[in-house]
Amino acid sequence: MKKNSMKESNLKIGIAGYGYVGKKRRKILDNISGVKIVAISDKNPKYKISSKEIKFFKNYKNLLNENLDVIFVSLPNKYAAEITRLAIKKNIHVFCEKPPGKNVNDIKKVVRVLKNKKRTLKIYCQ
């Protein structure tokens, strides 16, 4: 179902990492009713988007300052744990494209933050 214009009840979505996977996520989300992508970040300037409706940031930490309900993390593993923890601390639900960390210690840190907040963390791995 193709969505209409943004309503107050729409979930505000951010995408961290706009390479192949981030673009694929956007293509899917753009066709889902009830969600609205409001911000995207990627450090690579070639991925910058020009849109009046979507803000673009070079740094994912700036993305987290937006009023988001959900963030899709499509970044390399070395950044996944940090952005996941920061997002949860800001009461943002997280969908992480890969394990949110490079090792067990990273994952434990994410779990500790998650236990103190009522947020959802979903992980997608192929």
N, C-alpha and C. Protein backbone atom coordinates (compact mmCIF):
# COMPACT_ATOMS: atom_id res chain seq x y z
N MET A 1 0.85 -1.17 0.00
CA MET A 1 0.00 0.00 0.00
C MET A 1 0.90 1.24 0.00
N LYS A 2 0.74 2.10 -0.97
CA LYS A 2 1.51 3.34 -1.06
C LYS A 2 1.00 4.32 -0.02
N LYS A 3 1.92 4.96 0.68
CA LYS A 3 1.48 5.87 1.72
C LYS A 3 1.15 7.25 1.18
N ASN A 4 0.36 7.96 1.93
CA ASN A 4 -0.05 9.31 1.57
C ASN A 4 0.87 10.31 2.27
N SER A 5 0.46 11.55 2.37
CA SER A 5 1.27 12.56 3.03
C SER A 5 1.40 12.23 4.52
N MET A 6 2.42 12.83 5.13
CA MET A 6 2.71 12.53 6.53
C MET A 6 1.59 12.98 7.45
N LYS A 7 1.21 12.09 8.34
CA LYS A 7 0.21 12.39 9.35
C LYS A 7 0.92 12.41 10.70
N GLU A 8 0.29 12.98 11.70
CA GLU A 8 0.87 13.03 13.03
C GLU A 8 1.17 11.64 13.58
N SER A 9 0.41 10.63 13.18
CA SER A 9 0.59 9.30 13.73
C SER A 9 1.69 8.50 13.03
N ASN A 10 2.26 9.02 11.96
CA ASN A 10 3.32 8.29 11.27
C ASN A 10 4.57 8.17 12.14
N LEU A 11 5.24 7.02 12.03
CA LEU A 11 6.52 6.84 12.70
C LEU A 11 7.58 7.63 11.95
N LYS A 12 8.39 8.38 12.67
CA LYS A 12 9.47 9.15 12.07
C LYS A 12 10.72 8.29 12.05
N ILE A 13 11.25 8.07 10.85
CA ILE A 13 12.34 7.13 10.63
C ILE A 13 13.63 7.86 10.26
N GLY A 14 14.75 7.37 10.78
CA GLY A 14 16.07 7.81 10.37
C GLY A 14 16.84 6.61 9.84
N ILE A 15 17.71 6.86 8.87
CA ILE A 15 18.56 5.80 8.33
C ILE A 15 20.01 6.23 8.51
N ALA A 16 20.78 5.44 9.26
CA ALA A 16 22.20 5.71 9.47
C ALA A 16 22.99 4.79 8.55
N GLY A 17 23.64 5.37 7.55
CA GLY A 17 24.36 4.60 6.55
C GLY A 17 23.51 4.50 5.30
N TYR A 18 23.97 5.15 4.23
CA TYR A 18 23.14 5.21 3.02
C TYR A 18 23.85 4.62 1.81
N GLY A 19 24.60 3.55 2.06
CA GLY A 19 25.20 2.80 0.97
C GLY A 19 24.15 1.85 0.39
N TYR A 20 24.59 0.72 -0.09
CA TYR A 20 23.69 -0.24 -0.74
C TYR A 20 22.51 -0.64 0.16
N VAL A 21 22.80 -1.03 1.39
CA VAL A 21 21.75 -1.51 2.29
C VAL A 21 20.82 -0.38 2.72
N GLY A 22 21.37 0.78 3.03
CA GLY A 22 20.55 1.92 3.43
C GLY A 22 19.58 2.33 2.33
N LYS A 23 20.06 2.34 1.10
CA LYS A 23 19.18 2.68 -0.03
C LYS A 23 18.09 1.63 -0.22
N LYS A 24 18.47 0.38 -0.04
CA LYS A 24 17.50 -0.71 -0.15
C LYS A 24 16.41 -0.56 0.91
N ARG A 25 16.82 -0.24 2.14
CA ARG A 25 15.86 -0.02 3.24
C ARG A 25 14.92 1.13 2.88
N ARG A 26 15.47 2.24 2.36
CA ARG A 26 14.63 3.39 2.02
C ARG A 26 13.59 3.02 0.97
N LYS A 27 14.00 2.27 -0.03
CA LYS A 27 13.08 1.88 -1.10
C LYS A 27 11.88 1.12 -0.52
N ILE A 28 12.15 0.26 0.43
CA ILE A 28 11.07 -0.50 1.08
C ILE A 28 10.21 0.42 1.94
N LEU A 29 10.86 1.23 2.78
CA LEU A 29 10.13 2.10 3.71
C LEU A 29 9.29 3.15 2.99
N ASP A 30 9.76 3.62 1.84
CA ASP A 30 9.01 4.62 1.08
C ASP A 30 7.64 4.13 0.63
N ASN A 31 7.45 2.83 0.63
CA ASN A 31 6.18 2.26 0.17
C ASN A 31 5.34 1.66 1.29
N ILE A 32 5.67 2.00 2.53
CA ILE A 32 4.92 1.48 3.67
C ILE A 32 4.09 2.60 4.28
N SER A 33 2.83 2.34 4.41
CA SER A 33 1.92 3.30 5.02
C SER A 33 2.24 3.43 6.51
N GLY A 34 2.18 4.65 7.03
CA GLY A 34 2.36 4.86 8.47
C GLY A 34 3.78 5.18 8.89
N VAL A 35 4.71 5.27 7.93
CA VAL A 35 6.08 5.66 8.27
C VAL A 35 6.52 6.80 7.36
N LYS A 36 7.47 7.57 7.86
CA LYS A 36 8.00 8.70 7.09
C LYS A 36 9.49 8.83 7.39
N ILE A 37 10.32 8.70 6.37
CA ILE A 37 11.75 8.92 6.55
C ILE A 37 11.97 10.43 6.66
N VAL A 38 12.56 10.84 7.79
CA VAL A 38 12.75 12.27 8.02
C VAL A 38 14.22 12.68 7.99
N ALA A 39 15.15 11.69 8.13
CA ALA A 39 16.57 12.04 8.14
C ALA A 39 17.42 10.83 7.75
N ILE A 40 18.54 11.12 7.10
CA ILE A 40 19.49 10.10 6.65
C ILE A 40 20.88 10.63 6.95
N SER A 41 21.79 9.70 7.30
CA SER A 41 23.19 10.12 7.47
C SER A 41 24.12 9.17 6.74
N ASP A 42 25.20 9.73 6.23
CA ASP A 42 26.28 8.95 5.65
C ASP A 42 27.51 9.85 5.55
N LYS A 43 28.66 9.34 5.92
CA LYS A 43 29.87 10.17 5.88
C LYS A 43 30.38 10.40 4.47
N ASN A 44 29.94 9.58 3.53
CA ASN A 44 30.38 9.70 2.15
C ASN A 44 29.54 10.75 1.42
N PRO A 45 30.15 11.85 0.96
CA PRO A 45 29.37 12.91 0.31
C PRO A 45 28.68 12.48 -0.98
N LYS A 46 29.12 11.40 -1.60
CA LYS A 46 28.47 10.96 -2.84
C LYS A 46 27.06 10.44 -2.58
N TYR A 47 26.74 10.13 -1.32
CA TYR A 47 25.41 9.63 -0.99
C TYR A 47 24.45 10.73 -0.52
N LYS A 48 24.93 11.96 -0.50
CA LYS A 48 24.07 13.07 -0.06
C LYS A 48 22.82 13.14 -0.94
N ILE A 49 21.69 13.34 -0.29
CA ILE A 49 20.43 13.45 -1.02
C ILE A 49 19.95 14.89 -0.99
N SER A 50 19.21 15.26 -1.99
CA SER A 50 18.60 16.58 -2.05
C SER A 50 17.10 16.38 -1.91
N SER A 51 16.59 16.78 -0.77
CA SER A 51 15.17 16.62 -0.50
C SER A 51 14.73 17.68 0.50
N LYS A 52 13.56 18.24 0.26
CA LYS A 52 13.00 19.21 1.20
C LYS A 52 12.40 18.50 2.41
N GLU A 53 12.03 17.25 2.24
CA GLU A 53 11.35 16.50 3.30
C GLU A 53 12.30 15.67 4.16
N ILE A 54 13.51 15.40 3.67
CA ILE A 54 14.45 14.53 4.39
C ILE A 54 15.75 15.29 4.64
N LYS A 55 16.14 15.38 5.92
CA LYS A 55 17.40 16.03 6.26
C LYS A 55 18.54 15.04 6.04
N PHE A 56 19.71 15.57 5.66
CA PHE A 56 20.88 14.73 5.45
C PHE A 56 22.01 15.21 6.36
N PHE A 57 22.67 14.25 7.01
CA PHE A 57 23.79 14.54 7.90
C PHE A 57 24.99 13.69 7.51
N LYS A 58 26.20 14.25 7.66
CA LYS A 58 27.42 13.49 7.43
C LYS A 58 27.76 12.61 8.63
N ASN A 59 27.27 12.99 9.80
CA ASN A 59 27.59 12.29 11.03
C ASN A 59 26.33 11.70 11.66
N TYR A 60 26.37 10.42 11.97
CA TYR A 60 25.18 9.78 12.54
C TYR A 60 24.81 10.34 13.92
N LYS A 61 25.76 10.92 14.62
CA LYS A 61 25.43 11.52 15.92
C LYS A 61 24.48 12.70 15.74
N ASN A 62 24.64 13.45 14.66
CA ASN A 62 23.71 14.55 14.36
C ASN A 62 22.33 14.02 14.01
N LEU A 63 22.29 12.90 13.34
CA LEU A 63 21.02 12.25 13.00
C LEU A 63 20.22 11.94 14.26
N LEU A 64 20.92 11.53 15.31
CA LEU A 64 20.25 11.17 16.56
C LEU A 64 19.64 12.36 17.29
N ASN A 65 19.97 13.57 16.88
CA ASN A 65 19.37 14.76 17.49
C ASN A 65 18.01 15.09 16.88
N GLU A 66 17.64 14.38 15.83
CA GLU A 66 16.32 14.58 15.22
C GLU A 66 15.26 13.88 16.07
N ASN A 67 14.03 14.27 15.90
CA ASN A 67 12.91 13.68 16.62
C ASN A 67 12.51 12.38 15.91
N LEU A 68 13.21 11.28 16.23
CA LEU A 68 12.97 10.00 15.57
C LEU A 68 12.23 9.03 16.49
N ASP A 69 11.42 8.19 15.87
CA ASP A 69 10.80 7.08 16.58
C ASP A 69 11.63 5.82 16.41
N VAL A 70 12.19 5.65 15.21
CA VAL A 70 12.94 4.45 14.84
C VAL A 70 14.16 4.84 14.02
N ILE A 71 15.27 4.14 14.24
CA ILE A 71 16.44 4.32 13.39
C ILE A 71 16.83 2.98 12.81
N PHE A 72 17.15 2.99 11.53
CA PHE A 72 17.67 1.82 10.84
C PHE A 72 19.18 2.00 10.74
N VAL A 73 19.92 1.09 11.36
CA VAL A 73 21.38 1.16 11.38
C VAL A 73 21.92 0.28 10.26
N SER A 74 22.47 0.92 9.25
CA SER A 74 23.05 0.22 8.10
C SER A 74 24.52 0.60 7.97
N LEU A 75 25.21 0.56 9.09
CA LEU A 75 26.62 0.95 9.18
C LEU A 75 27.51 -0.26 9.40
N PRO A 76 28.82 -0.11 9.16
CA PRO A 76 29.75 -1.20 9.48
C PRO A 76 29.71 -1.55 10.97
N ASN A 77 30.06 -2.79 11.28
CA ASN A 77 30.02 -3.27 12.67
C ASN A 77 30.77 -2.38 13.64
N LYS A 78 31.86 -1.77 13.20
CA LYS A 78 32.65 -0.97 14.13
C LYS A 78 31.88 0.24 14.68
N TYR A 79 30.79 0.63 14.02
CA TYR A 79 29.97 1.75 14.50
C TYR A 79 28.63 1.29 15.10
N ALA A 80 28.24 0.08 14.84
CA ALA A 80 26.89 -0.39 15.19
C ALA A 80 26.61 -0.34 16.69
N ALA A 81 27.55 -0.76 17.52
CA ALA A 81 27.30 -0.77 18.96
C ALA A 81 27.08 0.64 19.50
N GLU A 82 27.93 1.56 19.09
CA GLU A 82 27.82 2.93 19.61
C GLU A 82 26.50 3.58 19.21
N ILE A 83 26.15 3.54 17.94
CA ILE A 83 24.91 4.20 17.52
C ILE A 83 23.69 3.51 18.12
N THR A 84 23.75 2.19 18.27
CA THR A 84 22.63 1.47 18.87
C THR A 84 22.44 1.93 20.32
N ARG A 85 23.52 1.98 21.09
CA ARG A 85 23.43 2.44 22.48
C ARG A 85 22.92 3.88 22.57
N LEU A 86 23.50 4.75 21.74
CA LEU A 86 23.09 6.16 21.78
C LEU A 86 21.62 6.34 21.43
N ALA A 87 21.16 5.60 20.44
CA ALA A 87 19.75 5.70 20.02
C ALA A 87 18.83 5.23 21.13
N ILE A 88 19.16 4.10 21.74
CA ILE A 88 18.31 3.57 22.82
C ILE A 88 18.27 4.56 23.98
N LYS A 89 19.43 5.15 24.32
CA LYS A 89 19.47 6.15 25.40
C LYS A 89 18.57 7.34 25.09
N LYS A 90 18.38 7.64 23.80
CA LYS A 90 17.52 8.76 23.39
C LYS A 90 16.08 8.29 23.14
N ASN A 91 15.76 7.08 23.60
CA ASN A 91 14.41 6.51 23.47
C ASN A 91 13.98 6.30 22.03
N ILE A 92 14.93 5.91 21.20
CA ILE A 92 14.65 5.60 19.79
C ILE A 92 14.71 4.09 19.62
N HIS A 93 13.70 3.51 19.00
CA HIS A 93 13.72 2.09 18.67
C HIS A 93 14.78 1.87 17.59
N VAL A 94 15.42 0.68 17.58
CA VAL A 94 16.53 0.41 16.66
C VAL A 94 16.29 -0.86 15.86
N PHE A 95 16.52 -0.75 14.55
CA PHE A 95 16.58 -1.91 13.65
C PHE A 95 18.01 -1.92 13.13
N CYS A 96 18.79 -2.92 13.55
CA CYS A 96 20.20 -2.99 13.17
C CYS A 96 20.37 -4.07 12.11
N GLU A 97 21.04 -3.72 11.03
CA GLU A 97 21.23 -4.63 9.90
C GLU A 97 22.17 -5.78 10.20
N LYS A 98 22.91 -5.70 11.27
CA LYS A 98 23.85 -6.75 11.65
C LYS A 98 23.98 -6.74 13.16
N PRO A 99 24.67 -7.68 13.73
CA PRO A 99 24.83 -7.63 15.19
C PRO A 99 25.33 -6.26 15.63
N PRO A 100 24.75 -5.71 16.68
CA PRO A 100 25.13 -4.37 17.12
C PRO A 100 26.43 -4.37 17.93
N GLY A 101 27.48 -4.88 17.32
CA GLY A 101 28.79 -4.89 17.96
C GLY A 101 29.75 -5.82 17.27
N LYS A 102 31.05 -5.62 17.57
CA LYS A 102 32.10 -6.44 16.97
C LYS A 102 32.39 -7.69 17.78
N ASN A 103 31.99 -7.66 19.06
CA ASN A 103 32.32 -8.77 19.94
C ASN A 103 31.29 -8.87 21.07
N VAL A 104 31.47 -9.86 21.92
CA VAL A 104 30.51 -10.09 23.01
C VAL A 104 30.47 -8.91 23.96
N ASN A 105 31.59 -8.29 24.23
CA ASN A 105 31.62 -7.14 25.13
C ASN A 105 30.76 -5.99 24.59
N ASP A 106 30.86 -5.71 23.28
CA ASP A 106 30.01 -4.68 22.66
C ASP A 106 28.53 -5.01 22.85
N ILE A 107 28.19 -6.26 22.62
CA ILE A 107 26.78 -6.68 22.74
C ILE A 107 26.30 -6.54 24.18
N LYS A 108 27.14 -6.90 25.13
CA LYS A 108 26.76 -6.77 26.55
C LYS A 108 26.46 -5.31 26.91
N LYS A 109 27.26 -4.39 26.37
CA LYS A 109 27.03 -2.96 26.63
C LYS A 109 25.67 -2.52 26.07
N VAL A 110 25.34 -3.01 24.90
CA VAL A 110 24.04 -2.69 24.29
C VAL A 110 22.91 -3.25 25.16
N VAL A 111 23.06 -4.48 25.60
CA VAL A 111 22.03 -5.12 26.42
C VAL A 111 21.83 -4.36 27.73
N ARG A 112 22.92 -3.89 28.35
CA ARG A 112 22.80 -3.12 29.60
C ARG A 112 21.97 -1.86 29.39
N VAL A 113 22.22 -1.15 28.30
CA VAL A 113 21.46 0.07 28.01
C VAL A 113 20.01 -0.28 27.72
N LEU A 114 19.81 -1.33 26.98
CA LEU A 114 18.45 -1.75 26.60
C LEU A 114 17.62 -2.13 27.82
N LYS A 115 18.22 -2.73 28.82
CA LYS A 115 17.49 -3.14 30.03
C LYS A 115 16.92 -1.95 30.78
N ASN A 116 17.56 -0.79 30.66
CA ASN A 116 17.11 0.40 31.39
C ASN A 116 16.11 1.25 30.62
N LYS A 117 15.81 0.88 29.40
CA LYS A 117 14.87 1.64 28.57
C LYS A 117 13.80 0.71 28.02
N LYS A 118 12.66 1.26 27.74
CA LYS A 118 11.58 0.47 27.14
C LYS A 118 11.58 0.72 25.64
N ARG A 119 12.62 0.25 24.98
CA ARG A 119 12.77 0.39 23.55
C ARG A 119 12.92 -0.99 22.94
N THR A 120 12.71 -1.07 21.64
CA THR A 120 12.83 -2.33 20.93
C THR A 120 14.10 -2.31 20.10
N LEU A 121 14.83 -3.42 20.14
CA LEU A 121 15.99 -3.62 19.28
C LEU A 121 15.73 -4.84 18.42
N LYS A 122 15.73 -4.64 17.12
CA LYS A 122 15.58 -5.74 16.17
C LYS A 122 16.88 -5.86 15.39
N ILE A 123 17.29 -7.08 15.17
CA ILE A 123 18.55 -7.32 14.45
C ILE A 123 18.26 -8.20 13.25
N TYR A 124 18.81 -7.80 12.11
CA TYR A 124 18.64 -8.57 10.88
C TYR A 124 20.00 -9.04 10.41
N CYS A 125 20.16 -10.32 10.26
CA CYS A 125 21.42 -10.90 9.77
C CYS A 125 21.08 -11.94 8.70
N GLN A 126 21.86 -11.93 7.63
CA GLN A 126 21.66 -12.96 6.61
C GLN A 126 22.63 -14.08 6.83
